[in-house]
C-alpha cells in the first residue's frame, strides 16, 4: 500500500511563495514518476507539474511554467513544489500522485497516476 501525504499549503497574498511537500511511503519511491495536480472549486482536476523517477526530467503546465518548480529527494522519499509569484487563479486543492509504471518519464496525463494523496489547500488572496 502506497501512502502520500501533502503539507505546506496555506493562505498567501498574490505575488507570494509557498513550498508544498509530499511524503511517500510504502514502496520503492525512487522507481516511479511523481506529479502534482490541483483542483479548484467547481473545476476539474488539472495537471500542474511532474518529475521523472530520477528527477532528471520535468514537465509543467503552461499556466505555471517559469513560476513553479518541482523537485524530489529520493533518499527522503519526498517531492516538493516550489510556487513563486502566486496568483489568485492558483487557488486550489493541491495533490501529489505517483504513477504505477516503473522508470517512466514525467507525464501530465491524469490517467497515468495510480496513487493519490489527500491534498493540501492553497489560497491566494488578491
C-alpha atoms as a PDB file:
ATOM      1  CA  UNK A   1       0.000   0.000   0.000  1.00  0.00           C
ATOM      2  CA  UNK A   2       1.339   3.414  -1.014  1.00  0.00           C
ATOM      3  CA  UNK A   3       0.744   6.447   1.155  1.00  0.00           C
ATOM      4  CA  UNK A   4       1.180  10.052   0.027  1.00  0.00           C
ATOM      5  CA  UNK A   5       0.801  12.928   2.473  1.00  0.00           C
ATOM      6  CA  UNK A   6       0.943  16.550   1.386  1.00  0.00           C
ATOM      7  CA  UNK A   7       1.785  19.556   3.533  1.00  0.00           C
ATOM      8  CA  UNK A   8       2.728  23.185   3.171  1.00  0.00           C
ATOM      9  CA  UNK A   9      -0.496  24.708   1.928  1.00  0.00           C
ATOM     10  CA  UNK A  10      -1.955  27.875   3.347  1.00  0.00           C
ATOM     11  CA  UNK A  11      -3.080  31.416   2.704  1.00  0.00           C
ATOM     12  CA  UNK A  12      -0.725  33.759   0.866  1.00  0.00           C
ATOM     13  CA  UNK A  13      -1.025  37.109  -0.853  1.00  0.00           C
ATOM     14  CA  UNK A  14      -0.684  37.428  -4.597  1.00  0.00           C
ATOM     15  CA  UNK A  15       2.956  37.573  -5.565  1.00  0.00           C
ATOM     16  CA  UNK A  16       3.984  35.454  -2.611  1.00  0.00           C
ATOM     17  CA  UNK A  17       5.500  31.999  -2.418  1.00  0.00           C
ATOM     18  CA  UNK A  18       4.721  28.629  -0.900  1.00  0.00           C
ATOM     19  CA  UNK A  19       6.530  25.328  -0.864  1.00  0.00           C
ATOM     20  CA  UNK A  20       4.435  22.179  -0.891  1.00  0.00           C
ATOM     21  CA  UNK A  21       5.831  18.856   0.274  1.00  0.00           C
ATOM     22  CA  UNK A  22       4.688  15.315  -0.370  1.00  0.00           C
ATOM     23  CA  UNK A  23       5.911  12.465   1.814  1.00  0.00           C
ATOM     24  CA  UNK A  24       5.712   8.983   0.321  1.00  0.00           C
ATOM     25  CA  UNK A  25       5.827   5.585   1.918  1.00  0.00           C
ATOM     26  CA  UNK A  26       5.002   2.006   1.091  1.00  0.00           C
ATOM     27  CA  UNK A  27       7.218   1.073  -1.844  1.00  0.00           C
ATOM     28  CA  UNK A  28      10.442   1.903  -3.683  1.00  0.00           C
ATOM     29  CA  UNK A  29       9.870   5.613  -4.135  1.00  0.00           C
ATOM     30  CA  UNK A  30      12.804   6.224  -6.445  1.00  0.00           C
ATOM     31  CA  UNK A  31      11.447   3.951  -9.196  1.00  0.00           C
ATOM     32  CA  UNK A  32       8.323   5.951 -10.023  1.00  0.00           C
ATOM     33  CA  UNK A  33       7.493   9.302 -11.546  1.00  0.00           C
ATOM     34  CA  UNK A  34       5.605  11.796  -9.409  1.00  0.00           C
ATOM     35  CA  UNK A  35       3.222  14.597 -10.191  1.00  0.00           C
ATOM     36  CA  UNK A  36       1.316  17.490  -8.692  1.00  0.00           C
ATOM     37  CA  UNK A  37      -2.275  18.240  -9.649  1.00  0.00           C
ATOM     38  CA  UNK A  38      -4.769  20.818  -8.449  1.00  0.00           C
ATOM     39  CA  UNK A  39      -8.499  21.217  -8.308  1.00  0.00           C
ATOM     40  CA  UNK A  40     -10.334  24.467  -7.786  1.00  0.00           C
ATOM     41  CA  UNK A  41     -13.962  24.562  -6.608  1.00  0.00           C
ATOM     42  CA  UNK A  42     -16.309  23.736  -9.461  1.00  0.00           C
ATOM     43  CA  UNK A  43     -13.475  22.811 -11.803  1.00  0.00           C
ATOM     44  CA  UNK A  44     -11.903  19.579 -12.940  1.00  0.00           C
ATOM     45  CA  UNK A  45      -8.606  18.381 -11.574  1.00  0.00           C
ATOM     46  CA  UNK A  46      -5.748  19.707 -13.692  1.00  0.00           C
ATOM     47  CA  UNK A  47      -2.096  18.865 -14.141  1.00  0.00           C
ATOM     48  CA  UNK A  48       0.487  21.175 -12.587  1.00  0.00           C
ATOM     49  CA  UNK A  49       3.923  19.534 -12.771  1.00  0.00           C
ATOM     50  CA  UNK A  50       5.606  16.143 -12.974  1.00  0.00           C
ATOM     51  CA  UNK A  51       9.068  14.734 -12.414  1.00  0.00           C
ATOM     52  CA  UNK A  52      10.668  11.534 -13.609  1.00  0.00           C
ATOM     53  CA  UNK A  53      11.788   8.754 -11.280  1.00  0.00           C
ATOM     54  CA  UNK A  54      15.375  10.006 -11.316  1.00  0.00           C
ATOM     55  CA  UNK A  55      14.498  13.681 -11.122  1.00  0.00           C
ATOM     56  CA  UNK A  56      16.271  14.286 -14.394  1.00  0.00           C
ATOM     57  CA  UNK A  57      13.206  15.319 -16.371  1.00  0.00           C
ATOM     58  CA  UNK A  58      10.326  17.605 -15.523  1.00  0.00           C
ATOM     59  CA  UNK A  59       7.220  18.865 -17.273  1.00  0.00           C
ATOM     60  CA  UNK A  60       4.938  21.754 -16.370  1.00  0.00           C
ATOM     61  CA  UNK A  61       1.540  23.077 -17.269  1.00  0.00           C
ATOM     62  CA  UNK A  62       1.805  26.240 -19.328  1.00  0.00           C
ATOM     63  CA  UNK A  63      -0.043  28.163 -16.627  1.00  0.00           C
ATOM     64  CA  UNK A  64       2.731  27.587 -14.065  1.00  0.00           C
ATOM     65  CA  UNK A  65       5.813  27.387 -16.252  1.00  0.00           C
ATOM     66  CA  UNK A  66       8.502  29.756 -15.011  1.00  0.00           C
ATOM     67  CA  UNK A  67       6.796  30.212 -11.630  1.00  0.00           C
ATOM     68  CA  UNK A  68       6.640  26.697 -10.157  1.00  0.00           C
ATOM     69  CA  UNK A  69       9.450  24.191  -9.700  1.00  0.00           C
ATOM     70  CA  UNK A  70       9.034  20.505  -8.938  1.00  0.00           C
ATOM     71  CA  UNK A  71      11.839  18.553  -7.310  1.00  0.00           C
ATOM     72  CA  UNK A  72      12.370  15.326  -5.426  1.00  0.00           C
ATOM     73  CA  UNK A  73      14.654  13.827  -2.831  1.00  0.00           C
ATOM     74  CA  UNK A  74      14.672  10.076  -3.322  1.00  0.00           C
ATOM     75  CA  UNK A  75      16.665   9.434  -0.166  1.00  0.00           C
ATOM     76  CA  UNK A  76      13.963  11.138   1.893  1.00  0.00           C
ATOM     77  CA  UNK A  77      11.065   9.895  -0.260  1.00  0.00           C
ATOM     78  CA  UNK A  78       9.879  13.454  -0.731  1.00  0.00           C
ATOM     79  CA  UNK A  79       8.552  15.508  -3.624  1.00  0.00           C
ATOM     80  CA  UNK A  80       8.338  19.284  -3.486  1.00  0.00           C
ATOM     81  CA  UNK A  81       6.547  22.004  -5.388  1.00  0.00           C
ATOM     82  CA  UNK A  82       8.069  25.454  -5.023  1.00  0.00           C
ATOM     83  CA  UNK A  83       5.461  28.015  -6.036  1.00  0.00           C
ATOM     84  CA  UNK A  84       6.538  31.592  -6.674  1.00  0.00           C
ATOM     85  CA  UNK A  85       4.717  34.652  -7.985  1.00  0.00           C
ATOM     86  CA  UNK A  86       1.428  33.145  -6.902  1.00  0.00           C
ATOM     87  CA  UNK A  87      -1.786  34.420  -8.434  1.00  0.00           C
ATOM     88  CA  UNK A  88      -5.396  34.214  -7.232  1.00  0.00           C
ATOM     89  CA  UNK A  89      -6.005  31.752 -10.087  1.00  0.00           C
ATOM     90  CA  UNK A  90      -3.591  29.352  -8.377  1.00  0.00           C
ATOM     91  CA  UNK A  91      -6.081  28.898  -5.543  1.00  0.00           C
ATOM     92  CA  UNK A  92      -6.940  25.196  -5.382  1.00  0.00           C
ATOM     93  CA  UNK A  93      -6.523  21.973  -3.511  1.00  0.00           C
ATOM     94  CA  UNK A  94      -3.131  20.552  -4.483  1.00  0.00           C
ATOM     95  CA  UNK A  95      -2.482  16.817  -4.545  1.00  0.00           C
ATOM     96  CA  UNK A  96       0.571  14.754  -5.264  1.00  0.00           C
ATOM     97  CA  UNK A  97       0.337  11.471  -7.105  1.00  0.00           C
ATOM     98  CA  UNK A  98       2.532   8.661  -8.308  1.00  0.00           C
ATOM     99  CA  UNK A  99       2.439   6.510 -11.401  1.00  0.00           C
ATOM    100  CA  UNK A 100       2.297   2.742 -11.314  1.00  0.00           C
ATOM    101  CA  UNK A 101       4.845   2.123 -14.053  1.00  0.00           C
ATOM    102  CA  UNK A 102       8.492   1.564 -13.290  1.00  0.00           C
ATOM    103  CA  UNK A 103      11.078   4.021 -14.601  1.00  0.00           C
ATOM    104  CA  UNK A 104       8.694   6.013 -16.757  1.00  0.00           C
ATOM    105  CA  UNK A 105       9.128   9.610 -17.794  1.00  0.00           C
ATOM    106  CA  UNK A 106       7.162  12.508 -16.318  1.00  0.00           C
ATOM    107  CA  UNK A 107       3.587  12.673 -17.543  1.00  0.00           C
ATOM    108  CA  UNK A 108       0.806  15.195 -17.374  1.00  0.00           C
ATOM    109  CA  UNK A 109      -1.890  12.621 -18.083  1.00  0.00           C
ATOM    110  CA  UNK A 110      -4.046  12.180 -15.010  1.00  0.00           C
ATOM    111  CA  UNK A 111      -4.877   8.628 -16.093  1.00  0.00           C
ATOM    112  CA  UNK A 112      -1.234   7.584 -15.714  1.00  0.00           C
ATOM    113  CA  UNK A 113      -1.362   8.173 -11.973  1.00  0.00           C
ATOM    114  CA  UNK A 114      -2.451   5.443  -9.644  1.00  0.00           C
ATOM    115  CA  UNK A 115      -1.915   6.597  -6.051  1.00  0.00           C
ATOM    116  CA  UNK A 116      -3.056   9.965  -4.729  1.00  0.00           C
ATOM    117  CA  UNK A 117      -2.635  11.990  -1.582  1.00  0.00           C
ATOM    118  CA  UNK A 118      -5.444  13.722   0.269  1.00  0.00           C
ATOM    119  CA  UNK A 119      -4.413  17.193  -0.823  1.00  0.00           C
ATOM    120  CA  UNK A 120      -3.433  20.487   0.765  1.00  0.00           C
ATOM    121  CA  UNK A 121      -5.309  23.739   0.254  1.00  0.00           C
ATOM    122  CA  UNK A 122      -3.602  26.749  -1.268  1.00  0.00           C
ATOM    123  CA  UNK A 123      -5.431  30.062  -1.184  1.00  0.00           C
ATOM    124  CA  UNK A 124      -4.009  33.140  -2.875  1.00  0.00           C
ATOM    125  CA  UNK A 125      -5.612  36.442  -1.976  1.00  0.00           C
ATOM    126  CA  UNK A 126      -5.592  39.433  -4.293  1.00  0.00           C
END
